[in-house]
PDB file of N, CA and C in Angstrom:
ATOM      1  N   MET A   1      -5.341  19.855   4.317  1.00  0.00           N
ATOM      2  CA  MET A   1      -6.298  19.235   3.428  1.00  0.00           C
ATOM      3  C   MET A   1      -6.524  17.765   3.805  1.00  0.00           C
ATOM      4  N   ALA A   2      -5.429  17.037   4.000  1.00  0.00           N
ATOM      5  CA  ALA A   2      -5.563  15.638   4.377  1.00  0.00           C
ATOM      6  C   ALA A   2      -6.186  15.507   5.762  1.00  0.00           C
ATOM      7  N   GLU A   3      -5.799  16.397   6.654  1.00  0.00           N
ATOM      8  CA  GLU A   3      -6.358  16.334   8.013  1.00  0.00           C
ATOM      9  C   GLU A   3      -7.868  16.560   7.980  1.00  0.00           C
ATOM     10  N   ASP A   4      -8.302  17.537   7.212  1.00  0.00           N
ATOM     11  CA  ASP A   4      -9.745  17.801   7.093  1.00  0.00           C
ATOM     12  C   ASP A   4     -10.473  16.590   6.518  1.00  0.00           C
ATOM     13  N   ALA A   5      -9.877  15.976   5.496  1.00  0.00           N
ATOM     14  CA  ALA A   5     -10.497  14.810   4.865  1.00  0.00           C
ATOM     15  C   ALA A   5     -10.595  13.646   5.851  1.00  0.00           C
ATOM     16  N   ILE A   6      -9.534  13.427   6.610  1.00  0.00           N
ATOM     17  CA  ILE A   6      -9.508  12.317   7.573  1.00  0.00           C
ATOM     18  C   ILE A   6     -10.516  12.550   8.693  1.00  0.00           C
ATOM     19  N   LEU A   7     -10.480  13.729   9.283  1.00  0.00           N
ATOM     20  CA  LEU A   7     -11.404  14.024  10.389  1.00  0.00           C
ATOM     21  C   LEU A   7     -12.851  14.049   9.907  1.00  0.00           C
ATOM     22  N   GLY A   8     -13.080  14.575   8.717  1.00  0.00           N
ATOM     23  CA  GLY A   8     -14.429  14.579   8.147  1.00  0.00           C
ATOM     24  C   GLY A   8     -14.936  13.169   7.908  1.00  0.00           C
ATOM     25  N   TYR A   9     -14.073  12.326   7.414  1.00  0.00           N
ATOM     26  CA  TYR A   9     -14.452  10.934   7.164  1.00  0.00           C
ATOM     27  C   TYR A   9     -14.749  10.215   8.481  1.00  0.00           C
ATOM     28  N   LEU A  10     -13.884  10.419   9.464  1.00  0.00           N
ATOM     29  CA  LEU A  10     -14.058   9.735  10.751  1.00  0.00           C
ATOM     30  C   LEU A  10     -15.262  10.259  11.526  1.00  0.00           C
ATOM     31  N   ALA A  11     -15.762  11.436  11.181  1.00  0.00           N
ATOM     32  CA  ALA A  11     -16.959  11.962  11.840  1.00  0.00           C
ATOM     33  C   ALA A  11     -18.183  11.124  11.495  1.00  0.00           C
ATOM     34  N   THR A  12     -18.144  10.461  10.327  1.00  0.00           N
ATOM     35  CA  THR A  12     -19.306   9.669   9.890  1.00  0.00           C
ATOM     36  C   THR A  12     -18.992   8.178   9.728  1.00  0.00           C
ATOM     37  N   HIS A  13     -17.732   7.801   9.905  1.00  0.00           N
ATOM     38  CA  HIS A  13     -17.325   6.400   9.777  1.00  0.00           C
ATOM     39  C   HIS A  13     -16.518   6.008  11.006  1.00  0.00           C
ATOM     40  N   GLU A  14     -16.567   4.742  11.330  1.00  0.00           N
ATOM     41  CA  GLU A  14     -15.866   4.269  12.526  1.00  0.00           C
ATOM     42  C   GLU A  14     -14.357   4.201  12.329  1.00  0.00           C
ATOM     43  N   GLU A  15     -13.929   3.880  11.119  1.00  0.00           N
ATOM     44  CA  GLU A  15     -12.496   3.713  10.893  1.00  0.00           C
ATOM     45  C   GLU A  15     -12.142   3.928   9.431  1.00  0.00           C
ATOM     46  N   ILE A  16     -10.858   4.107   9.197  1.00  0.00           N
ATOM     47  CA  ILE A  16     -10.286   4.094   7.847  1.00  0.00           C
ATOM     48  C   ILE A  16      -9.504   2.790   7.779  1.00  0.00           C
ATOM     49  N   PRO A  17     -10.049   1.782   7.108  1.00  0.00           N
ATOM     50  CA  PRO A  17      -9.400   0.477   7.147  1.00  0.00           C
ATOM     51  C   PRO A  17      -8.059   0.426   6.410  1.00  0.00           C
ATOM     52  N   ASP A  18      -7.876   1.316   5.423  1.00  0.00           N
ATOM     53  CA  ASP A  18      -6.655   1.255   4.627  1.00  0.00           C
ATOM     54  C   ASP A  18      -6.307   2.677   4.178  1.00  0.00           C
ATOM     55  N   SER A  19      -5.228   3.210   4.701  1.00  0.00           N
ATOM     56  CA  SER A  19      -4.847   4.596   4.390  1.00  0.00           C
ATOM     57  C   SER A  19      -4.484   4.779   2.922  1.00  0.00           C
ATOM     58  N   GLU A  20      -3.940   3.750   2.321  1.00  0.00           N
ATOM     59  CA  GLU A  20      -3.568   3.859   0.895  1.00  0.00           C
ATOM     60  C   GLU A  20      -4.815   3.992   0.027  1.00  0.00           C
ATOM     61  N   GLN A  21      -5.805   3.172   0.292  1.00  0.00           N
ATOM     62  CA  GLN A  21      -7.067   3.276  -0.450  1.00  0.00           C
ATOM     63  C   GLN A  21      -7.749   4.611  -0.162  1.00  0.00           C
ATOM     64  N   PHE A  22      -7.710   5.045   1.083  1.00  0.00           N
ATOM     65  CA  PHE A  22      -8.303   6.324   1.456  1.00  0.00           C
ATOM     66  C   PHE A  22      -7.647   7.459   0.671  1.00  0.00           C
ATOM     67  N   ALA A  23      -6.325   7.445   0.611  1.00  0.00           N
ATOM     68  CA  ALA A  23      -5.599   8.488  -0.111  1.00  0.00           C
ATOM     69  C   ALA A  23      -5.986   8.487  -1.588  1.00  0.00           C
ATOM     70  N   THR A  24      -6.073   7.324  -2.191  1.00  0.00           N
ATOM     71  CA  THR A  24      -6.452   7.228  -3.600  1.00  0.00           C
ATOM     72  C   THR A  24      -7.865   7.742  -3.821  1.00  0.00           C
ATOM     73  N   GLN A  25      -8.790   7.319  -2.978  1.00  0.00           N
ATOM     74  CA  GLN A  25     -10.193   7.719  -3.116  1.00  0.00           C
ATOM     75  C   GLN A  25     -10.401   9.221  -2.920  1.00  0.00           C
ATOM     76  N   HIS A  26      -9.532   9.863  -2.152  1.00  0.00           N
ATOM     77  CA  HIS A  26      -9.689  11.288  -1.859  1.00  0.00           C
ATOM     78  C   HIS A  26      -8.652  12.144  -2.580  1.00  0.00           C
ATOM     79  N   ALA A  27      -7.964  11.557  -3.559  1.00  0.00           N
ATOM     80  CA  ALA A  27      -6.959  12.262  -4.373  1.00  0.00           C
ATOM     81  C   ALA A  27      -5.906  12.951  -3.508  1.00  0.00           C
ATOM     82  N   LEU A  28      -5.413  12.212  -2.526  1.00  0.00           N
ATOM     83  CA  LEU A  28      -4.383  12.727  -1.623  1.00  0.00           C
ATOM     84  C   LEU A  28      -3.113  11.900  -1.782  1.00  0.00           C
ATOM     85  N   GLN A  29      -2.002  12.475  -1.390  1.00  0.00           N
ATOM     86  CA  GLN A  29      -0.755  11.721  -1.366  1.00  0.00           C
ATOM     87  C   GLN A  29      -0.777  10.777  -0.160  1.00  0.00           C
ATOM     88  N   HIS A  30      -0.424   9.525  -0.378  1.00  0.00           N
ATOM     89  CA  HIS A  30      -0.456   8.562   0.715  1.00  0.00           C
ATOM     90  C   HIS A  30       0.469   8.979   1.848  1.00  0.00           C
ATOM     91  N   SER A  31       1.643   9.490   1.508  1.00  0.00           N
ATOM     92  CA  SER A  31       2.594   9.893   2.553  1.00  0.00           C
ATOM     93  C   SER A  31       2.009  11.010   3.426  1.00  0.00           C
ATOM     94  N   GLU A  32       1.252  11.916   2.818  1.00  0.00           N
ATOM     95  CA  GLU A  32       0.620  12.991   3.586  1.00  0.00           C
ATOM     96  C   GLU A  32      -0.446  12.426   4.525  1.00  0.00           C
ATOM     97  N   VAL A  33      -1.238  11.477   4.041  1.00  0.00           N
ATOM     98  CA  VAL A  33      -2.266  10.838   4.873  1.00  0.00           C
ATOM     99  C   VAL A  33      -1.609  10.114   6.043  1.00  0.00           C
ATOM    100  N   VAL A  34      -0.535   9.397   5.778  1.00  0.00           N
ATOM    101  CA  VAL A  34       0.176   8.679   6.839  1.00  0.00           C
ATOM    102  C   VAL A  34       0.703   9.656   7.882  1.00  0.00           C
ATOM    103  N   ASN A  35       1.291  10.754   7.434  1.00  0.00           N
ATOM    104  CA  ASN A  35       1.832  11.740   8.379  1.00  0.00           C
ATOM    105  C   ASN A  35       0.729  12.343   9.252  1.00  0.00           C
ATOM    106  N   VAL A  36      -0.419  12.641   8.668  1.00  0.00           N
ATOM    107  CA  VAL A  36      -1.533  13.203   9.442  1.00  0.00           C
ATOM    108  C   VAL A  36      -2.050  12.166  10.441  1.00  0.00           C
ATOM    109  N   ILE A  37      -2.181  10.929   9.994  1.00  0.00           N
ATOM    110  CA  ILE A  37      -2.638   9.863  10.900  1.00  0.00           C
ATOM    111  C   ILE A  37      -1.663   9.717  12.070  1.00  0.00           C
ATOM    112  N   LYS A  38      -0.378   9.734  11.788  1.00  0.00           N
ATOM    113  CA  LYS A  38       0.621   9.622  12.860  1.00  0.00           C
ATOM    114  C   LYS A  38       0.521  10.799  13.823  1.00  0.00           C
ATOM    115  N   SER A  39       0.320  11.971  13.267  1.00  0.00           N
ATOM    116  CA  SER A  39       0.187  13.160  14.111  1.00  0.00           C
ATOM    117  C   SER A  39      -1.051  13.071  14.996  1.00  0.00           C
ATOM    118  N   LEU A  40      -2.185  12.724  14.403  1.00  0.00           N
ATOM    119  CA  LEU A  40      -3.427  12.589  15.174  1.00  0.00           C
ATOM    120  C   LEU A  40      -3.301  11.490  16.226  1.00  0.00           C
ATOM    121  N   HIS A  41      -2.621  10.425  15.861  1.00  0.00           N
ATOM    122  CA  HIS A  41      -2.399   9.329  16.800  1.00  0.00           C
ATOM    123  C   HIS A  41      -1.481   9.786  17.941  1.00  0.00           C
ATOM    124  N   GLY A  42      -0.455  10.554  17.602  1.00  0.00           N
ATOM    125  CA  GLY A  42       0.478  11.052  18.612  1.00  0.00           C
ATOM    126  C   GLY A  42      -0.209  11.939  19.633  1.00  0.00           C
ATOM    127  N   PHE A  43      -1.186  12.711  19.174  1.00  0.00           N
ATOM    128  CA  PHE A  43      -1.945  13.564  20.097  1.00  0.00           C
ATOM    129  C   PHE A  43      -3.134  12.829  20.720  1.00  0.00           C
ATOM    130  N   ARG A  44      -3.240  11.559  20.432  1.00  0.00           N
ATOM    131  CA  ARG A  44      -4.280  10.677  20.974  1.00  0.00           C
ATOM    132  C   ARG A  44      -5.699  11.080  20.577  1.00  0.00           C
ATOM    133  N   TYR A  45      -5.790  11.679  19.377  1.00  0.00           N
ATOM    134  CA  TYR A  45      -7.116  11.986  18.834  1.00  0.00           C
ATOM    135  C   TYR A  45      -7.733  10.744  18.196  1.00  0.00           C
ATOM    136  N   ILE A  46      -6.874   9.865  17.706  1.00  0.00           N
ATOM    137  CA  ILE A  46      -7.345   8.636  17.051  1.00  0.00           C
ATOM    138  C   ILE A  46      -6.452   7.478  17.480  1.00  0.00           C
ATOM    139  N   ASP A  47      -6.963   6.280  17.311  1.00  0.00           N
ATOM    140  CA  ASP A  47      -6.150   5.069  17.446  1.00  0.00           C
ATOM    141  C   ASP A  47      -5.725   4.666  16.049  1.00  0.00           C
ATOM    142  N   ALA A  48      -4.521   4.180  15.933  1.00  0.00           N
ATOM    143  CA  ALA A  48      -4.011   3.759  14.627  1.00  0.00           C
ATOM    144  C   ALA A  48      -3.117   2.551  14.805  1.00  0.00           C
ATOM    145  N   GLN A  49      -3.064   1.733  13.785  1.00  0.00           N
ATOM    146  CA  GLN A  49      -2.147   0.601  13.786  1.00  0.00           C
ATOM    147  C   GLN A  49      -1.572   0.439  12.399  1.00  0.00           C
ATOM    148  N   ASP A  50      -0.311   0.022  12.363  1.00  0.00           N
ATOM    149  CA  ASP A  50       0.377  -0.162  11.089  1.00  0.00           C
ATOM    150  C   ASP A  50      -0.158  -1.386  10.367  1.00  0.00           C
ATOM    151  N   ILE A  51      -0.228  -1.269   9.061  1.00  0.00           N
ATOM    152  CA  ILE A  51      -0.550  -2.402   8.208  1.00  0.00           C
ATOM    153  C   ILE A  51       0.728  -2.745   7.459  1.00  0.00           C
ATOM    154  N   LYS A  52       1.182  -3.953   7.607  1.00  0.00           N
ATOM    155  CA  LYS A  52       2.401  -4.384   6.936  1.00  0.00           C
ATOM    156  C   LYS A  52       2.015  -5.189   5.707  1.00  0.00           C
ATOM    157  N   ARG A  53       2.558  -4.781   4.585  1.00  0.00           N
ATOM    158  CA  ARG A  53       2.297  -5.515   3.340  1.00  0.00           C
ATOM    159  C   ARG A  53       3.620  -6.006   2.792  1.00  0.00           C
ATOM    160  N   GLU A  54       3.638  -7.260   2.433  1.00  0.00           N
ATOM    161  CA  GLU A  54       4.808  -7.834   1.781  1.00  0.00           C
ATOM    162  C   GLU A  54       4.405  -8.243   0.379  1.00  0.00           C
ATOM    163  N   THR A  55       5.287  -8.001  -0.534  1.00  0.00           N
ATOM    164  CA  THR A  55       5.057  -8.392  -1.911  1.00  0.00           C
ATOM    165  C   THR A  55       6.162  -9.350  -2.323  1.00  0.00           C
ATOM    166  N   TRP A  56       5.764 -10.444  -2.889  1.00  0.00           N
ATOM    167  CA  TRP A  56       6.719 -11.425  -3.368  1.00  0.00           C
ATOM    168  C   TRP A  56       6.794 -11.307  -4.884  1.00  0.00           C
ATOM    169  N   VAL A  57       8.000 -11.251  -5.389  1.00  0.00           N
ATOM    170  CA  VAL A  57       8.228 -11.104  -6.812  1.00  0.00           C
ATOM    171  C   VAL A  57       9.206 -12.187  -7.249  1.00  0.00           C
ATOM    172  N   LEU A  58       8.913 -12.807  -8.370  1.00  0.00           N
ATOM    173  CA  LEU A  58       9.816 -13.825  -8.883  1.00  0.00           C
ATOM    174  C   LEU A  58      11.080 -13.193  -9.443  1.00  0.00           C
ATOM    175  N   THR A  59      12.208 -13.834  -9.183  1.00  0.00           N
ATOM    176  CA  THR A  59      13.463 -13.417  -9.802  1.00  0.00           C
ATOM    177  C   THR A  59      13.444 -13.898 -11.250  1.00  0.00           C
ATOM    178  N   ASP A  60      14.469 -13.548 -12.005  1.00  0.00           N
ATOM    179  CA  ASP A  60      14.568 -14.036 -13.386  1.00  0.00           C
ATOM    180  C   ASP A  60      14.605 -15.567 -13.398  1.00  0.00           C
ATOM    181  N   GLU A  61      15.330 -16.137 -12.443  1.00  0.00           N
ATOM    182  CA  GLU A  61      15.401 -17.598 -12.346  1.00  0.00           C
ATOM    183  C   GLU A  61      14.020 -18.170 -12.006  1.00  0.00           C
ATOM    184  N   GLY A  62      13.313 -17.512 -11.092  1.00  0.00           N
ATOM    185  CA  GLY A  62      11.968 -17.953 -10.730  1.00  0.00           C
ATOM    186  C   GLY A  62      11.011 -17.869 -11.904  1.00  0.00           C
ATOM    187  N   GLU A  63      11.128 -16.805 -12.709  1.00  0.00           N
ATOM    188  CA  GLU A  63      10.297 -16.681 -13.922  1.00  0.00           C
ATOM    189  C   GLU A  63      10.555 -17.853 -14.864  1.00  0.00           C
ATOM    190  N   LYS A  64      11.828 -18.213 -14.998  1.00  0.00           N
ATOM    191  CA  LYS A  64      12.176 -19.347 -15.875  1.00  0.00           C
ATOM    192  C   LYS A  64      11.563 -20.643 -15.351  1.00  0.00           C
ATOM    193  N   TYR A  65      11.656 -20.854 -14.050  1.00  0.00           N
ATOM    194  CA  TYR A  65      11.088 -22.068 -13.464  1.00  0.00           C
ATOM    195  C   TYR A  65       9.572 -22.073 -13.577  1.00  0.00           C
ATOM    196  N   ALA A  66       8.955 -20.913 -13.436  1.00  0.00           N
ATOM    197  CA  ALA A  66       7.496 -20.836 -13.577  1.00  0.00           C
ATOM    198  C   ALA A  66       7.086 -21.195 -15.000  1.00  0.00           C
ATOM    199  N   ALA A  67       7.884 -20.800 -15.965  1.00  0.00           N
ATOM    200  CA  ALA A  67       7.559 -21.083 -17.368  1.00  0.00           C
ATOM    201  C   ALA A  67       7.926 -22.506 -17.770  1.00  0.00           C
ATOM    202  N   ASP A  68       9.121 -22.958 -17.342  1.00  0.00           N
ATOM    203  CA  ASP A  68       9.638 -24.245 -17.825  1.00  0.00           C
ATOM    204  C   ASP A  68       9.560 -25.369 -16.800  1.00  0.00           C
ATOM    205  N   GLY A  69       9.291 -25.051 -15.553  1.00  0.00           N
ATOM    206  CA  GLY A  69       9.333 -26.044 -14.487  1.00  0.00           C
ATOM    207  C   GLY A  69      10.708 -26.041 -13.840  1.00  0.00           C
ATOM    208  N   SER A  70      10.785 -26.563 -12.646  1.00  0.00           N
ATOM    209  CA  SER A  70      12.062 -26.626 -11.938  1.00  0.00           C
ATOM    210  C   SER A  70      12.996 -27.590 -12.664  1.00  0.00           C
ATOM    211  N   PRO A  71      14.294 -27.513 -12.407  1.00  0.00           N
ATOM    212  CA  PRO A  71      15.221 -28.459 -13.040  1.00  0.00           C
ATOM    213  C   PRO A  71      14.840 -29.913 -12.773  1.00  0.00           C
ATOM    214  N   GLU A  72      14.344 -30.195 -11.562  1.00  0.00           N
ATOM    215  CA  GLU A  72      13.952 -31.572 -11.243  1.00  0.00           C
ATOM    216  C   GLU A  72      12.756 -32.009 -12.091  1.00  0.00           C
ATOM    217  N   VAL A  73      11.803 -31.122 -12.270  1.00  0.00           N
ATOM    218  CA  VAL A  73      10.638 -31.448 -13.101  1.00  0.00           C
ATOM    219  C   VAL A  73      11.067 -31.623 -14.550  1.00  0.00           C
ATOM    220  N   GLN A  74      11.981 -30.778 -15.008  1.00  0.00           N
ATOM    221  CA  GLN A  74      12.470 -30.914 -16.377  1.00  0.00           C
ATOM    222  C   GLN A  74      13.191 -32.246 -16.562  1.00  0.00           C
ATOM    223  N   LEU A  75      13.952 -32.660 -15.550  1.00  0.00           N
ATOM    224  CA  LEU A  75      14.623 -33.963 -15.604  1.00  0.00           C
ATOM    225  C   LEU A  75      13.590 -35.076 -15.668  1.00  0.00           C
ATOM    226  N   PHE A  76      12.598 -35.015 -14.812  1.00  0.00           N
ATOM    227  CA  PHE A  76      11.550 -36.029 -14.799  1.00  0.00           C
ATOM    228  C   PHE A  76      10.830 -36.080 -16.146  1.00  0.00           C
ATOM    229  N   SER A  77      10.546 -34.906 -16.705  1.00  0.00           N
ATOM    230  CA  SER A  77       9.843 -34.838 -17.986  1.00  0.00           C
ATOM    231  C   SER A  77      10.702 -35.323 -19.144  1.00  0.00           C
ATOM    232  N   ALA A  78      12.028 -35.257 -18.991  1.00  0.00           N
ATOM    233  CA  ALA A  78      12.923 -35.686 -20.070  1.00  0.00           C
ATOM    234  C   ALA A  78      13.005 -37.205 -20.192  1.00  0.00           C
ATOM    235  N   VAL A  79      12.635 -37.901 -19.125  1.00  0.00           N
ATOM    236  CA  VAL A  79      12.653 -39.368 -19.176  1.00  0.00           C
ATOM    237  C   VAL A  79      11.425 -39.821 -19.965  1.00  0.00           C
ATOM    238  N   PRO A  80      11.632 -40.570 -21.056  1.00  0.00           N
ATOM    239  CA  PRO A  80      10.492 -40.972 -21.887  1.00  0.00           C
ATOM    240  C   PRO A  80       9.572 -41.960 -21.161  1.00  0.00           C
ATOM    241  N   PRO A  81       8.359 -42.110 -21.669  1.00  0.00           N
ATOM    242  CA  PRO A  81       7.396 -43.026 -21.036  1.00  0.00           C
ATOM    243  C   PRO A  81       7.909 -44.459 -20.914  1.00  0.00           C
ATOM    244  N   GLU A  82       8.831 -44.838 -21.790  1.00  0.00           N
ATOM    245  CA  GLU A  82       9.392 -46.198 -21.698  1.00  0.00           C
ATOM    246  C   GLU A  82      10.161 -46.391 -20.399  1.00  0.00           C
ATOM    247  N   GLY A  83      10.560 -45.269 -19.795  1.00  0.00           N
ATOM    248  CA  GLY A  83      11.137 -45.347 -18.468  1.00  0.00           C
ATOM    249  C   GLY A  83      12.645 -45.281 -18.384  1.00  0.00           C
ATOM    250  N   SER A  84      13.356 -45.079 -19.490  1.00  0.00           N
ATOM    251  CA  SER A  84      14.808 -44.979 -19.372  1.00  0.00           C
ATOM    252  C   SER A  84      15.381 -44.085 -20.464  1.00  0.00           C
ATOM    253  N   ILE A  85      16.478 -43.462 -20.123  1.00  0.00           N
ATOM    254  CA  ILE A  85      17.217 -42.626 -21.069  1.00  0.00           C
ATOM    255  C   ILE A  85      18.661 -42.587 -20.585  1.00  0.00           C
ATOM    256  N   SER A  86      19.589 -42.669 -21.500  1.00  0.00           N
ATOM    257  CA  SER A  86      20.996 -42.611 -21.096  1.00  0.00           C
ATOM    258  C   SER A  86      21.383 -41.159 -20.822  1.00  0.00           C
ATOM    259  N   LYS A  87      22.471 -41.029 -20.092  1.00  0.00           N
ATOM    260  CA  LYS A  87      22.946 -39.689 -19.771  1.00  0.00           C
ATOM    261  C   LYS A  87      23.277 -38.933 -21.056  1.00  0.00           C
ATOM    262  N   ASP A  88      23.899 -39.613 -22.007  1.00  0.00           N
ATOM    263  CA  ASP A  88      24.251 -38.975 -23.275  1.00  0.00           C
ATOM    264  C   ASP A  88      23.004 -38.538 -24.032  1.00  0.00           C
ATOM    265  N   GLU A  89      21.971 -39.399 -24.047  1.00  0.00           N
ATOM    266  CA  GLU A  89      20.720 -39.038 -24.717  1.00  0.00           C
ATOM    267  C   GLU A  89      20.046 -37.862 -24.008  1.00  0.00           C
ATOM    268  N   LEU A  90      20.135 -37.891 -22.697  1.00  0.00           N
ATOM    269  CA  LEU A  90      19.537 -36.815 -21.910  1.00  0.00           C
ATOM    270  C   LEU A  90      20.201 -35.487 -22.236  1.00  0.00           C
ATOM    271  N   GLN A  91      21.537 -35.488 -22.260  1.00  0.00           N
ATOM    272  CA  GLN A  91      22.245 -34.254 -22.565  1.00  0.00           C
ATOM    273  C   GLN A  91      22.052 -33.858 -24.030  1.00  0.00           C
ATOM    274  N   ALA A  92      21.941 -34.814 -24.928  1.00  0.00           N
ATOM    275  CA  ALA A  92      21.708 -34.517 -26.343  1.00  0.00           C
ATOM    276  C   ALA A  92      20.313 -33.925 -26.564  1.00  0.00           C
ATOM    277  N   SER A  93      19.381 -34.247 -25.662  1.00  0.00           N
ATOM    278  CA  SER A  93      18.016 -33.724 -25.795  1.00  0.00           C
ATOM    279  C   SER A  93      17.922 -32.257 -25.386  1.00  0.00           C
ATOM    280  N   GLY A  94      19.036 -31.703 -24.896  1.00  0.00           N
ATOM    281  CA  GLY A  94      19.034 -30.302 -24.510  1.00  0.00           C
ATOM    282  C   GLY A  94      18.972 -30.104 -23.012  1.00  0.00           C
ATOM    283  N   PHE A  95      18.905 -31.158 -22.250  1.00  0.00           N
ATOM    284  CA  PHE A  95      18.873 -31.045 -20.797  1.00  0.00           C
ATOM    285  C   PHE A  95      20.285 -30.763 -20.318  1.00  0.00           C
ATOM    286  N   THR A  96      20.588 -29.502 -20.087  1.00  0.00           N
ATOM    287  CA  THR A  96      21.907 -29.121 -19.602  1.00  0.00           C
ATOM    288  C   THR A  96      21.754 -28.155 -18.445  1.00  0.00           C
ATOM    289  N   PHE A  97      22.227 -28.563 -17.324  1.00  0.00           N
ATOM    290  CA  PHE A  97      22.262 -27.703 -16.153  1.00  0.00           C
ATOM    291  C   PHE A  97      23.652 -27.830 -15.557  1.00  0.00           C
ATOM    292  N   PRO A  98      24.227 -26.705 -15.113  1.00  0.00           N
ATOM    293  CA  PRO A  98      25.578 -26.750 -14.543  1.00  0.00           C
ATOM    294  C   PRO A  98      25.670 -27.688 -13.342  1.00  0.00           C
ATOM    295  N   ASN A  99      24.624 -27.792 -12.572  1.00  0.00           N
ATOM    296  CA  ASN A  99      24.641 -28.662 -11.391  1.00  0.00           C
ATOM    297  C   ASN A  99      23.835 -29.937 -11.672  1.00  0.00           C
ATOM    298  N   PHE A 100      24.112 -30.555 -12.806  1.00  0.00           N
ATOM    299  CA  PHE A 100      23.380 -31.735 -13.274  1.00  0.00           C
ATOM    300  C   PHE A 100      23.311 -32.834 -12.211  1.00  0.00           C
ATOM    301  N   TYR A 101      24.442 -33.143 -11.578  1.00  0.00           N
ATOM    302  CA  TYR A 101      24.460 -34.257 -10.619  1.00  0.00           C
ATOM    303  C   TYR A 101      23.660 -33.922  -9.361  1.00  0.00           C
ATOM    304  N   SER A 102      23.683 -32.676  -8.960  1.00  0.00           N
ATOM    305  CA  SER A 102      22.865 -32.258  -7.826  1.00  0.00           C
ATOM    306  C   SER A 102      21.386 -32.434  -8.149  1.00  0.00           C
ATOM    307  N   ILE A 103      21.003 -32.013  -9.347  1.00  0.00           N
ATOM    308  CA  ILE A 103      19.605 -32.164  -9.789  1.00  0.00           C
ATOM    309  C   ILE A 103      19.247 -33.643  -9.880  1.00  0.00           C
ATOM    310  N   LEU A 104      20.157 -34.435 -10.415  1.00  0.00           N
ATOM    311  CA  LEU A 104      19.913 -35.871 -10.546  1.00  0.00           C
ATOM    312  C   LEU A 104      19.727 -36.508  -9.179  1.00  0.00           C
ATOM    313  N   ASN A 105      20.559 -36.132  -8.217  1.00  0.00           N
ATOM    314  CA  ASN A 105      20.424 -36.682  -6.863  1.00  0.00           C
ATOM    315  C   ASN A 105      19.100 -36.262  -6.240  1.00  0.00           C
ATOM    316  N   HIS A 106      18.732 -34.991  -6.391  1.00  0.00           N
ATOM    317  CA  HIS A 106      17.468 -34.526  -5.821  1.00  0.00           C
ATOM    318  C   HIS A 106      16.298 -35.175  -6.550  1.00  0.00           C
ATOM    319  N   GLY A 107      16.405 -35.288  -7.866  1.00  0.00           N
ATOM    320  CA  GLY A 107      15.346 -35.928  -8.649  1.00  0.00           C
ATOM    321  C   GLY A 107      15.155 -37.382  -8.271  1.00  0.00           C
ATOM    322  N   SER A 108      16.262 -38.058  -7.964  1.00  0.00           N
ATOM    323  CA  SER A 108      16.125 -39.475  -7.610  1.00  0.00           C
ATOM    324  C   SER A 108      15.440 -39.635  -6.272  1.00  0.00           C
ATOM    325  N   SER A 109      15.676 -38.721  -5.349  1.00  0.00           N
ATOM    326  CA  SER A 109      15.021 -38.853  -4.050  1.00  0.00           C
ATOM    327  C   SER A 109      13.600 -38.317  -4.078  1.00  0.00           C
ATOM    328  N   THR A 110      13.315 -37.353  -4.945  1.00  0.00           N
ATOM    329  CA  THR A 110      12.007 -36.719  -4.975  1.00  0.00           C
ATOM    330  C   THR A 110      11.034 -37.413  -5.933  1.00  0.00           C
ATOM    331  N   PHE A 111      11.528 -37.781  -7.095  1.00  0.00           N
ATOM    332  CA  PHE A 111      10.641 -38.278  -8.151  1.00  0.00           C
ATOM    333  C   PHE A 111      10.811 -39.770  -8.422  1.00  0.00           C
ATOM    334  N   GLY A 112      11.639 -40.429  -7.674  1.00  0.00           N
ATOM    335  CA  GLY A 112      11.808 -41.861  -7.891  1.00  0.00           C
ATOM    336  C   GLY A 112      12.603 -42.178  -9.152  1.00  0.00           C
ATOM    337  N   ILE A 113      13.539 -41.315  -9.500  1.00  0.00           N
ATOM    338  CA  ILE A 113      14.411 -41.560 -10.653  1.00  0.00           C
ATOM    339  C   ILE A 113      15.669 -42.214 -10.118  1.00  0.00           C
ATOM    340  N   SER A 114      16.110 -43.262 -10.777  1.00  0.00           N
ATOM    341  CA  SER A 114      17.353 -43.890 -10.340  1.00  0.00           C
ATOM    342  C   SER A 114      18.318 -44.009 -11.502  1.00  0.00           C
ATOM    343  N   VAL A 115      19.580 -43.962 -11.185  1.00  0.00           N
ATOM    344  CA  VAL A 115      20.638 -44.093 -12.176  1.00  0.00           C
ATOM    345  C   VAL A 115      21.099 -45.530 -12.159  1.00  0.00           C
ATOM    346  N   LEU A 116      21.012 -46.166 -13.309  1.00  0.00           N
ATOM    347  CA  LEU A 116      21.445 -47.573 -13.412  1.00  0.00           C
ATOM    348  C   LEU A 116      22.689 -47.677 -14.231  1.00  0.00           C
TER     349      LEU A 116
END
């Protein structure tokens, strides 16, 4: 069935640009379409090339950073417009990260925050 659909399509079209879309449009299983394409390619009836797709997904930590900003941005945002806040005030405001000093060091080099 997939072979007939593929050969029939190629009789009137130059190429199948995306096997996944082709399978969906023709109500076929993608794996079956891929197997037929590989078979036809193996017998040199058609030319074929792999399409590599990568998907990037945020981790739970990445989701948190997307919602709240990175720890460095949160540190920068915690400093009031007057330009200073004590460490105790900062921690009392809810800014708590296990690697606080690492964030502070990175924030000072990235955002121009200095510890006085």
